Amino acid sequence: IHKLYTSEKLNNLFNLLLVLFQNIIILNLISLYKMGLIP
């Protein structure tokens, strides 16, 4: 049970990092687009 709990905790952390990473990429793309670097 303890092992499963740890695994789920790590999975939640990984999902959170993934979402943050995706948001950072999207924000970077938007700023590049606004600067006119992406046609």
PDB file of N, CA and C in Angstrom:
ATOM      1  N   ILE A   1       0.846  -1.207   0.000  1.00  0.00           N
ATOM      2  CA  ILE A   1       0.000   0.000   0.000  1.00  0.00           C
ATOM      3  C   ILE A   1       0.878   1.253   0.000  1.00  0.00           C
ATOM      4  N   HIS A   2       1.928   1.232   0.814  1.00  0.00           N
ATOM      5  CA  HIS A   2       2.824   2.387   0.895  1.00  0.00           C
ATOM      6  C   HIS A   2       3.525   2.624  -0.443  1.00  0.00           C
ATOM      7  N   LYS A   3       3.912   1.536  -1.101  1.00  0.00           N
ATOM      8  CA  LYS A   3       4.593   1.624  -2.390  1.00  0.00           C
ATOM      9  C   LYS A   3       3.661   2.248  -3.441  1.00  0.00           C
ATOM     10  N   LEU A   4       2.425   1.807  -3.432  1.00  0.00           N
ATOM     11  CA  LEU A   4       1.428   2.311  -4.375  1.00  0.00           C
ATOM     12  C   LEU A   4       1.203   3.810  -4.150  1.00  0.00           C
ATOM     13  N   TYR A   5       1.138   4.201  -2.882  1.00  0.00           N
ATOM     14  CA  TYR A   5       0.927   5.604  -2.539  1.00  0.00           C
ATOM     15  C   TYR A   5       2.070   6.467  -3.069  1.00  0.00           C
ATOM     16  N   THR A   6       3.292   5.981  -2.897  1.00  0.00           N
ATOM     17  CA  THR A   6       4.465   6.712  -3.373  1.00  0.00           C
ATOM     18  C   THR A   6       4.430   6.841  -4.887  1.00  0.00           C
ATOM     19  N   SER A   7       4.050   5.758  -5.552  1.00  0.00           N
ATOM     20  CA  SER A   7       3.978   5.745  -7.012  1.00  0.00           C
ATOM     21  C   SER A   7       2.946   6.756  -7.508  1.00  0.00           C
ATOM     22  N   GLU A   8       1.803   6.790  -6.841  1.00  0.00           N
ATOM     23  CA  GLU A   8       0.747   7.718  -7.239  1.00  0.00           C
ATOM     24  C   GLU A   8       1.190   9.158  -7.013  1.00  0.00           C
ATOM     25  N   LYS A   9       1.909   9.374  -5.921  1.00  0.00           N
ATOM     26  CA  LYS A   9       2.410  10.704  -5.603  1.00  0.00           C
ATOM     27  C   LYS A   9       3.381  11.177  -6.687  1.00  0.00           C
ATOM     28  N   LEU A  10       4.284  10.280  -7.097  1.00  0.00           N
ATOM     29  CA  LEU A  10       5.249  10.608  -8.146  1.00  0.00           C
ATOM     30  C   LEU A  10       4.537  10.873  -9.465  1.00  0.00           C
ATOM     31  N   ASN A  11       3.502  10.088  -9.736  1.00  0.00           N
ATOM     32  CA  ASN A  11       2.740  10.249 -10.969  1.00  0.00           C
ATOM     33  C   ASN A  11       2.056  11.613 -11.001  1.00  0.00           C
ATOM     34  N   ASN A  12       1.484  12.014  -9.870  1.00  0.00           N
ATOM     35  CA  ASN A  12       0.842  13.328  -9.782  1.00  0.00           C
ATOM     36  C   ASN A  12       1.851  14.447  -9.998  1.00  0.00           C
ATOM     37  N   LEU A  13       3.037  14.281  -9.417  1.00  0.00           N
ATOM     38  CA  LEU A  13       4.095  15.276  -9.567  1.00  0.00           C
ATOM     39  C   LEU A  13       4.527  15.373 -11.024  1.00  0.00           C
ATOM     40  N   PHE A  14       4.654  14.217 -11.675  1.00  0.00           N
ATOM     41  CA  PHE A  14       5.055  14.182 -13.076  1.00  0.00           C
ATOM     42  C   PHE A  14       4.021  14.870 -13.956  1.00  0.00           C
ATOM     43  N   ASN A  15       2.740  14.601 -13.685  1.00  0.00           N
ATOM     44  CA  ASN A  15       1.673  15.240 -14.451  1.00  0.00           C
ATOM     45  C   ASN A  15       1.693  16.756 -14.276  1.00  0.00           C
ATOM     46  N   LEU A  16       1.953  17.202 -13.052  1.00  0.00           N
ATOM     47  CA  LEU A  16       2.023  18.631 -12.764  1.00  0.00           C
ATOM     48  C   LEU A  16       3.167  19.285 -13.535  1.00  0.00           C
ATOM     49  N   LEU A  17       4.327  18.618 -13.530  1.00  0.00           N
ATOM     50  CA  LEU A  17       5.485  19.137 -14.260  1.00  0.00           C
ATOM     51  C   LEU A  17       5.206  19.189 -15.753  1.00  0.00           C
ATOM     52  N   LEU A  18       4.513  18.169 -16.257  1.00  0.00           N
ATOM     53  CA  LEU A  18       4.188  18.105 -17.676  1.00  0.00           C
ATOM     54  C   LEU A  18       3.296  19.281 -18.078  1.00  0.00           C
ATOM     55  N   VAL A  19       2.295  19.558 -17.250  1.00  0.00           N
ATOM     56  CA  VAL A  19       1.387  20.678 -17.517  1.00  0.00           C
ATOM     57  C   VAL A  19       2.142  22.007 -17.481  1.00  0.00           C
ATOM     58  N   LEU A  20       3.011  22.178 -16.483  1.00  0.00           N
ATOM     59  CA  LEU A  20       3.798  23.407 -16.379  1.00  0.00           C
ATOM     60  C   LEU A  20       4.685  23.586 -17.602  1.00  0.00           C
ATOM     61  N   PHE A  21       5.319  22.478 -18.025  1.00  0.00           N
ATOM     62  CA  PHE A  21       6.208  22.508 -19.176  1.00  0.00           C
ATOM     63  C   PHE A  21       5.456  22.899 -20.445  1.00  0.00           C
ATOM     64  N   GLN A  22       4.255  22.313 -20.621  1.00  0.00           N
ATOM     65  CA  GLN A  22       3.436  22.637 -21.787  1.00  0.00           C
ATOM     66  C   GLN A  22       3.030  24.107 -21.775  1.00  0.00           C
ATOM     67  N   ASN A  23       2.669  24.614 -20.596  1.00  0.00           N
ATOM     68  CA  ASN A  23       2.278  26.023 -20.478  1.00  0.00           C
ATOM     69  C   ASN A  23       3.433  26.945 -20.828  1.00  0.00           C
ATOM     70  N   ILE A  24       4.643  26.595 -20.389  1.00  0.00           N
ATOM     71  CA  ILE A  24       5.828  27.401 -20.694  1.00  0.00           C
ATOM     72  C   ILE A  24       6.073  27.427 -22.199  1.00  0.00           C
ATOM     73  N   ILE A  25       5.953  26.274 -22.860  1.00  0.00           N
ATOM     74  CA  ILE A  25       6.153  26.196 -24.312  1.00  0.00           C
ATOM     75  C   ILE A  25       5.120  27.054 -25.035  1.00  0.00           C
ATOM     76  N   ILE A  26       3.857  26.956 -24.611  1.00  0.00           N
ATOM     77  CA  ILE A  26       2.789  27.739 -25.244  1.00  0.00           C
ATOM     78  C   ILE A  26       3.039  29.238 -25.071  1.00  0.00           C
ATOM     79  N   LEU A  27       3.431  29.649 -23.862  1.00  0.00           N
ATOM     80  CA  LEU A  27       3.717  31.067 -23.618  1.00  0.00           C
ATOM     81  C   LEU A  27       4.887  31.547 -24.472  1.00  0.00           C
ATOM     82  N   ASN A  28       5.911  30.702 -24.614  1.00  0.00           N
ATOM     83  CA  ASN A  28       7.061  31.064 -25.440  1.00  0.00           C
ATOM     84  C   ASN A  28       6.656  31.221 -26.898  1.00  0.00           C
ATOM     85  N   LEU A  29       5.820  30.308 -27.392  1.00  0.00           N
ATOM     86  CA  LEU A  29       5.357  30.392 -28.777  1.00  0.00           C
ATOM     87  C   LEU A  29       4.542  31.661 -28.999  1.00  0.00           C
ATOM     88  N   ILE A  30       3.693  32.001 -28.037  1.00  0.00           N
ATOM     89  CA  ILE A  30       2.881  33.214 -28.152  1.00  0.00           C
ATOM     90  C   ILE A  30       3.768  34.456 -28.184  1.00  0.00           C
ATOM     91  N   SER A  31       4.779  34.494 -27.326  1.00  0.00           N
ATOM     92  CA  SER A  31       5.658  35.670 -27.302  1.00  0.00           C
ATOM     93  C   SER A  31       6.487  35.767 -28.578  1.00  0.00           C
ATOM     94  N   LEU A  32       6.920  34.616 -29.118  1.00  0.00           N
ATOM     95  CA  LEU A  32       7.662  34.626 -30.382  1.00  0.00           C
ATOM     96  C   LEU A  32       6.767  35.132 -31.510  1.00  0.00           C
ATOM     97  N   TYR A  33       5.512  34.689 -31.492  1.00  0.00           N
ATOM     98  CA  TYR A  33       4.559  35.105 -32.519  1.00  0.00           C
ATOM     99  C   TYR A  33       4.325  36.614 -32.447  1.00  0.00           C
ATOM    100  N   LYS A  34       4.194  37.130 -31.232  1.00  0.00           N
ATOM    101  CA  LYS A  34       3.976  38.571 -31.051  1.00  0.00           C
ATOM    102  C   LYS A  34       5.185  39.383 -31.496  1.00  0.00           C
ATOM    103  N   MET A  35       6.386  38.822 -31.327  1.00  0.00           N
ATOM    104  CA  MET A  35       7.599  39.525 -31.747  1.00  0.00           C
ATOM    105  C   MET A  35       7.778  39.444 -33.260  1.00  0.00           C
ATOM    106  N   GLY A  36       6.990  38.611 -33.910  1.00  0.00           N
ATOM    107  CA  GLY A  36       7.054  38.504 -35.361  1.00  0.00           C
ATOM    108  C   GLY A  36       8.103  37.524 -35.855  1.00  0.00           C
ATOM    109  N   LEU A  37       8.623  36.670 -34.965  1.00  0.00           N
ATOM    110  CA  LEU A  37       9.646  35.709 -35.371  1.00  0.00           C
ATOM    111  C   LEU A  37       9.033  34.498 -36.067  1.00  0.00           C
ATOM    112  N   ILE A  38       7.740  34.266 -35.777  1.00  0.00           N
ATOM    113  CA  ILE A  38       7.036  33.173 -36.449  1.00  0.00           C
ATOM    114  C   ILE A  38       6.036  33.794 -37.413  1.00  0.00           C
ATOM    115  N   PRO A  39       6.136  33.464 -38.684  1.00  0.00           N
ATOM    116  CA  PRO A  39       5.243  34.054 -39.689  1.00  0.00           C
ATOM    117  C   PRO A  39       3.776  33.677 -39.482  1.00  0.00           C
TER     118      PRO A  39
END
